[in-house]
N, C-alpha and C. Protein backbone atom coordinates (compact mmCIF):
# COMPACT_ATOMS: atom_id res chain seq x y z
N MET A 1 4.78 -128.25 -193.31
CA MET A 1 4.36 -126.61 -193.26
C MET A 1 5.19 -125.70 -192.81
N LYS A 2 5.64 -124.78 -193.48
CA LYS A 2 6.67 -123.89 -192.91
C LYS A 2 6.20 -123.18 -191.99
N ALA A 3 7.20 -122.87 -191.07
CA ALA A 3 7.00 -122.00 -189.65
C ALA A 3 7.04 -120.81 -190.06
N ASP A 4 6.00 -119.76 -189.64
CA ASP A 4 5.93 -118.65 -189.64
C ASP A 4 5.43 -117.99 -190.98
N LEU A 5 4.93 -118.94 -191.99
CA LEU A 5 4.62 -118.58 -193.28
C LEU A 5 2.72 -118.40 -193.28
N HIS A 6 2.15 -119.25 -192.68
CA HIS A 6 0.83 -119.21 -192.75
C HIS A 6 0.22 -118.23 -191.56
N PRO A 7 -1.03 -117.58 -191.98
CA PRO A 7 -1.71 -116.78 -190.82
C PRO A 7 -2.34 -117.64 -189.75
N ASP A 8 -2.34 -116.99 -188.54
CA ASP A 8 -2.75 -117.37 -187.38
C ASP A 8 -4.38 -117.48 -187.17
N TYR A 9 -5.00 -118.76 -187.34
CA TYR A 9 -6.44 -118.64 -187.47
C TYR A 9 -6.91 -119.11 -186.27
N HIS A 10 -8.04 -118.24 -186.10
CA HIS A 10 -8.79 -118.35 -184.64
C HIS A 10 -10.10 -118.85 -184.55
N PRO A 11 -10.95 -119.54 -183.65
CA PRO A 11 -12.42 -119.75 -183.65
C PRO A 11 -13.22 -118.38 -183.91
N VAL A 12 -13.86 -118.11 -184.83
CA VAL A 12 -14.68 -116.62 -184.94
C VAL A 12 -16.34 -116.80 -185.01
N ILE A 13 -16.98 -116.16 -184.35
CA ILE A 13 -18.31 -115.59 -184.64
C ILE A 13 -18.69 -114.50 -185.26
N PHE A 14 -19.19 -114.88 -186.19
CA PHE A 14 -19.89 -113.45 -187.23
C PHE A 14 -21.40 -113.31 -186.60
N GLN A 15 -21.44 -112.18 -186.18
CA GLN A 15 -22.83 -111.98 -185.74
C GLN A 15 -23.25 -110.81 -186.48
N ASP A 16 -24.86 -111.04 -187.37
CA ASP A 16 -25.52 -110.23 -187.93
C ASP A 16 -26.04 -109.14 -186.98
N LEU A 17 -25.74 -108.02 -187.08
CA LEU A 17 -26.52 -106.85 -185.92
C LEU A 17 -28.06 -106.93 -186.44
N THR A 18 -28.49 -107.21 -187.72
CA THR A 18 -29.86 -106.85 -187.92
C THR A 18 -30.90 -108.12 -187.54
N THR A 19 -30.34 -109.13 -187.82
CA THR A 19 -31.24 -110.25 -187.69
C THR A 19 -30.63 -111.07 -186.50
N GLY A 20 -29.53 -110.94 -186.05
CA GLY A 20 -29.13 -111.32 -184.69
C GLY A 20 -28.58 -112.85 -184.88
N LYS A 21 -28.45 -113.38 -186.36
CA LYS A 21 -27.87 -114.72 -186.43
C LYS A 21 -26.24 -114.81 -186.60
N GLN A 22 -25.57 -115.59 -185.95
CA GLN A 22 -24.39 -116.00 -185.86
C GLN A 22 -23.94 -117.03 -186.74
N PHE A 23 -22.73 -117.05 -187.17
CA PHE A 23 -21.95 -117.85 -188.12
C PHE A 23 -20.66 -118.09 -187.59
N VAL A 24 -20.61 -119.40 -187.04
CA VAL A 24 -19.48 -119.98 -186.40
C VAL A 24 -18.35 -120.59 -187.54
N THR A 25 -16.91 -119.83 -187.55
CA THR A 25 -16.38 -120.27 -188.52
C THR A 25 -14.72 -120.12 -188.03
N ARG A 26 -13.80 -120.06 -188.87
CA ARG A 26 -12.44 -119.50 -188.48
C ARG A 26 -12.17 -118.62 -189.36
N SER A 27 -11.13 -117.59 -188.41
CA SER A 27 -10.81 -116.45 -189.34
C SER A 27 -9.62 -115.62 -188.56
N THR A 28 -8.95 -114.90 -189.36
CA THR A 28 -7.47 -114.23 -188.74
C THR A 28 -8.11 -112.97 -188.00
N VAL A 29 -9.40 -112.97 -188.11
CA VAL A 29 -9.83 -111.57 -187.30
C VAL A 29 -9.80 -111.78 -185.77
N LYS A 30 -9.49 -110.54 -184.83
CA LYS A 30 -9.79 -110.71 -183.58
C LYS A 30 -10.60 -109.56 -183.16
N SER A 31 -10.92 -109.69 -182.07
CA SER A 31 -11.90 -108.88 -181.20
C SER A 31 -11.75 -108.81 -179.68
N ASP A 32 -12.25 -108.00 -179.18
CA ASP A 32 -12.10 -107.74 -177.76
C ASP A 32 -13.40 -108.64 -176.89
N LYS A 33 -14.64 -108.97 -177.88
CA LYS A 33 -15.48 -109.60 -177.16
C LYS A 33 -15.55 -111.04 -177.48
N THR A 34 -15.59 -111.98 -176.64
CA THR A 34 -15.33 -113.40 -176.80
C THR A 34 -16.69 -114.23 -175.92
N GLU A 35 -16.90 -115.18 -176.59
CA GLU A 35 -18.02 -116.22 -176.15
C GLU A 35 -17.36 -117.53 -176.43
N THR A 36 -17.84 -118.25 -175.23
CA THR A 36 -17.47 -119.65 -175.31
C THR A 36 -18.61 -120.79 -175.73
N ILE A 37 -18.22 -121.56 -176.79
CA ILE A 37 -19.12 -122.70 -177.07
C ILE A 37 -18.36 -123.84 -177.04
N ASP A 38 -18.95 -124.75 -176.21
CA ASP A 38 -18.63 -125.97 -176.20
C ASP A 38 -17.01 -126.06 -175.54
N GLY A 39 -16.92 -125.15 -174.65
CA GLY A 39 -15.60 -125.05 -174.25
C GLY A 39 -14.25 -124.24 -174.98
N VAL A 40 -14.71 -124.05 -176.13
CA VAL A 40 -13.73 -123.16 -177.23
C VAL A 40 -13.92 -121.90 -177.24
N GLU A 41 -13.13 -121.08 -176.80
CA GLU A 41 -13.41 -119.54 -176.74
C GLU A 41 -13.24 -119.16 -178.17
N HIS A 42 -14.27 -118.44 -178.71
CA HIS A 42 -14.45 -117.86 -179.86
C HIS A 42 -14.62 -116.22 -179.81
N TYR A 43 -13.69 -115.48 -180.76
CA TYR A 43 -13.98 -114.08 -180.82
C TYR A 43 -15.41 -113.89 -181.47
N VAL A 44 -15.96 -112.78 -180.90
CA VAL A 44 -17.23 -112.38 -181.70
C VAL A 44 -17.17 -110.88 -182.51
N VAL A 45 -17.32 -111.16 -183.76
CA VAL A 45 -17.28 -110.24 -184.73
C VAL A 45 -18.82 -109.41 -185.22
N ALA A 46 -19.24 -108.26 -184.88
CA ALA A 46 -20.50 -107.82 -185.24
C ALA A 46 -20.22 -107.17 -186.81
N MET A 47 -21.46 -107.70 -187.33
CA MET A 47 -21.45 -107.25 -188.82
C MET A 47 -22.65 -106.64 -189.16
N SER A 48 -22.90 -105.51 -189.73
CA SER A 48 -23.75 -104.73 -190.18
C SER A 48 -24.70 -105.66 -191.15
N VAL A 49 -24.14 -106.21 -192.09
CA VAL A 49 -24.73 -106.95 -192.97
C VAL A 49 -23.98 -108.09 -193.50
N THR A 50 -24.93 -109.30 -193.42
CA THR A 50 -24.28 -110.61 -193.85
C THR A 50 -25.15 -111.02 -194.92
N SER A 51 -25.10 -112.42 -195.38
CA SER A 51 -25.77 -112.98 -196.37
C SER A 51 -27.18 -113.30 -195.68
N ASP A 52 -27.50 -113.44 -194.67
CA ASP A 52 -28.83 -113.21 -193.95
C ASP A 52 -29.64 -112.08 -193.87
N SER A 53 -28.97 -111.23 -193.98
CA SER A 53 -29.72 -109.81 -194.12
C SER A 53 -29.42 -108.80 -195.22
N HIS A 54 -28.50 -109.68 -196.25
CA HIS A 54 -28.24 -108.93 -197.48
C HIS A 54 -29.64 -108.60 -198.39
N PRO A 55 -29.83 -107.84 -199.20
CA PRO A 55 -31.00 -108.05 -200.16
C PRO A 55 -31.00 -109.02 -201.37
N PHE A 56 -29.36 -109.12 -201.56
CA PHE A 56 -29.43 -110.34 -202.91
C PHE A 56 -29.44 -111.36 -202.35
N PHE A 57 -29.40 -111.85 -201.25
CA PHE A 57 -29.64 -113.28 -200.60
C PHE A 57 -30.76 -113.41 -200.24
N THR A 58 -31.51 -112.33 -199.63
CA THR A 58 -32.85 -112.69 -198.97
C THR A 58 -33.84 -112.33 -200.35
N GLY A 59 -33.76 -111.93 -201.10
CA GLY A 59 -34.58 -111.47 -202.32
C GLY A 59 -35.52 -110.30 -202.14
N LYS A 60 -35.22 -109.67 -200.94
CA LYS A 60 -35.94 -108.56 -200.85
C LYS A 60 -35.37 -107.13 -201.10
N ALA A 61 -35.74 -106.67 -202.06
CA ALA A 61 -34.93 -105.47 -202.63
C ALA A 61 -35.61 -104.18 -201.51
N GLN A 62 -34.60 -103.31 -201.41
CA GLN A 62 -34.74 -102.34 -200.36
C GLN A 62 -35.47 -100.93 -201.13
N PHE A 63 -34.78 -100.80 -202.38
CA PHE A 63 -34.92 -99.87 -203.47
C PHE A 63 -35.30 -100.18 -204.91
N VAL A 64 -36.68 -99.68 -204.83
CA VAL A 64 -37.33 -100.06 -206.38
C VAL A 64 -37.18 -98.85 -207.36
N ASP A 65 -36.79 -98.77 -208.27
CA ASP A 65 -36.69 -97.79 -209.37
C ASP A 65 -38.32 -98.04 -210.26
N THR A 66 -38.99 -96.82 -209.89
CA THR A 66 -40.40 -97.13 -210.51
C THR A 66 -40.43 -96.40 -211.99
N GLU A 67 -39.30 -95.56 -212.23
CA GLU A 67 -39.23 -95.08 -213.62
C GLU A 67 -38.13 -95.47 -214.02
N GLY A 68 -38.10 -95.68 -215.31
CA GLY A 68 -36.90 -96.27 -216.19
C GLY A 68 -35.85 -95.11 -216.35
N ARG A 69 -34.54 -95.26 -216.74
CA ARG A 69 -33.60 -94.57 -216.98
C ARG A 69 -33.80 -93.76 -218.09
N ILE A 70 -34.27 -94.19 -219.13
CA ILE A 70 -34.54 -93.06 -220.34
C ILE A 70 -35.40 -92.30 -220.08
N ASP A 71 -36.67 -92.66 -219.34
CA ASP A 71 -37.47 -91.54 -218.93
C ASP A 71 -37.01 -90.71 -217.75
N LYS A 72 -36.22 -91.10 -216.91
CA LYS A 72 -35.52 -90.00 -216.03
C LYS A 72 -34.85 -89.11 -216.76
N PHE A 73 -33.85 -89.77 -217.69
CA PHE A 73 -33.11 -88.65 -218.40
C PHE A 73 -33.94 -87.72 -219.30
N GLN A 74 -34.86 -88.22 -219.99
CA GLN A 74 -35.60 -87.25 -220.80
C GLN A 74 -36.24 -86.29 -219.98
N LYS A 75 -36.85 -86.58 -218.92
CA LYS A 75 -37.49 -85.85 -217.86
C LYS A 75 -36.39 -84.50 -217.46
N ARG A 76 -35.31 -85.20 -217.36
CA ARG A 76 -34.25 -84.14 -216.77
C ARG A 76 -33.68 -83.28 -217.74
N PHE A 77 -33.41 -83.62 -218.75
CA PHE A 77 -32.80 -82.97 -219.79
C PHE A 77 -33.81 -82.59 -221.23
N GLY A 78 -34.87 -83.30 -221.01
CA GLY A 78 -35.73 -82.79 -222.31
C GLY A 78 -35.48 -83.56 -223.65
N GLU A 79 -36.45 -83.65 -224.44
CA GLU A 79 -36.07 -84.20 -225.64
C GLU A 79 -35.43 -83.33 -226.77
N ARG A 80 -34.55 -83.96 -227.24
CA ARG A 80 -33.95 -82.78 -228.54
C ARG A 80 -34.97 -82.73 -229.53
N LYS A 81 -35.53 -81.55 -229.82
CA LYS A 81 -36.46 -81.39 -231.02
C LYS A 81 -35.94 -81.33 -232.59
N GLU A 82 -34.84 -80.99 -232.42
CA GLU A 82 -34.51 -80.95 -234.02
C GLU A 82 -32.99 -81.93 -234.14
N ARG A 83 -33.00 -82.76 -234.83
CA ARG A 83 -31.46 -83.18 -235.16
C ARG A 83 -30.49 -82.59 -236.07
N ARG A 84 -29.25 -82.50 -235.86
CA ARG A 84 -28.46 -81.85 -236.71
C ARG A 84 -28.11 -82.87 -238.03
N LYS A 85 -28.47 -82.15 -239.13
CA LYS A 85 -28.13 -82.97 -240.27
C LYS A 85 -26.67 -82.88 -240.92
N LYS A 86 -26.25 -84.10 -241.18
CA LYS A 86 -25.24 -84.34 -241.64
C LYS A 86 -24.43 -83.61 -243.13
N PRO A 87 -23.60 -82.87 -243.11
CA PRO A 87 -23.34 -82.23 -244.38
C PRO A 87 -23.08 -82.97 -245.55
N THR A 88 -23.79 -82.71 -246.70
CA THR A 88 -23.84 -83.78 -247.83
C THR A 88 -21.97 -83.05 -248.37
N LEU A 89 -21.53 -84.34 -249.16
CA LEU A 89 -20.48 -84.13 -250.07
C LEU A 89 -20.92 -83.65 -251.64
N GLY A 90 -21.17 -82.53 -251.83
CA GLY A 90 -21.53 -82.39 -253.16
C GLY A 90 -21.76 -81.09 -253.69
């Protein structure tokens, strides 16, 4: 392995602020807060959304669109009453 080529990885804990779940991994990210697990010091990085709380992974949608897009458009702009006729060649 070449010297000074690869990034410096550290033990890190990513903590979900919503659920409190912690993910222990390695990363190049550092923080001021640290926590010791099994004698190894880990940086603690707080995350607002992780796979534990994201609606895609949990299956819980936070916003449900009750009206369809076409209905919304027609309500907003109205339906066109008359169509423009194509000119005839002749």
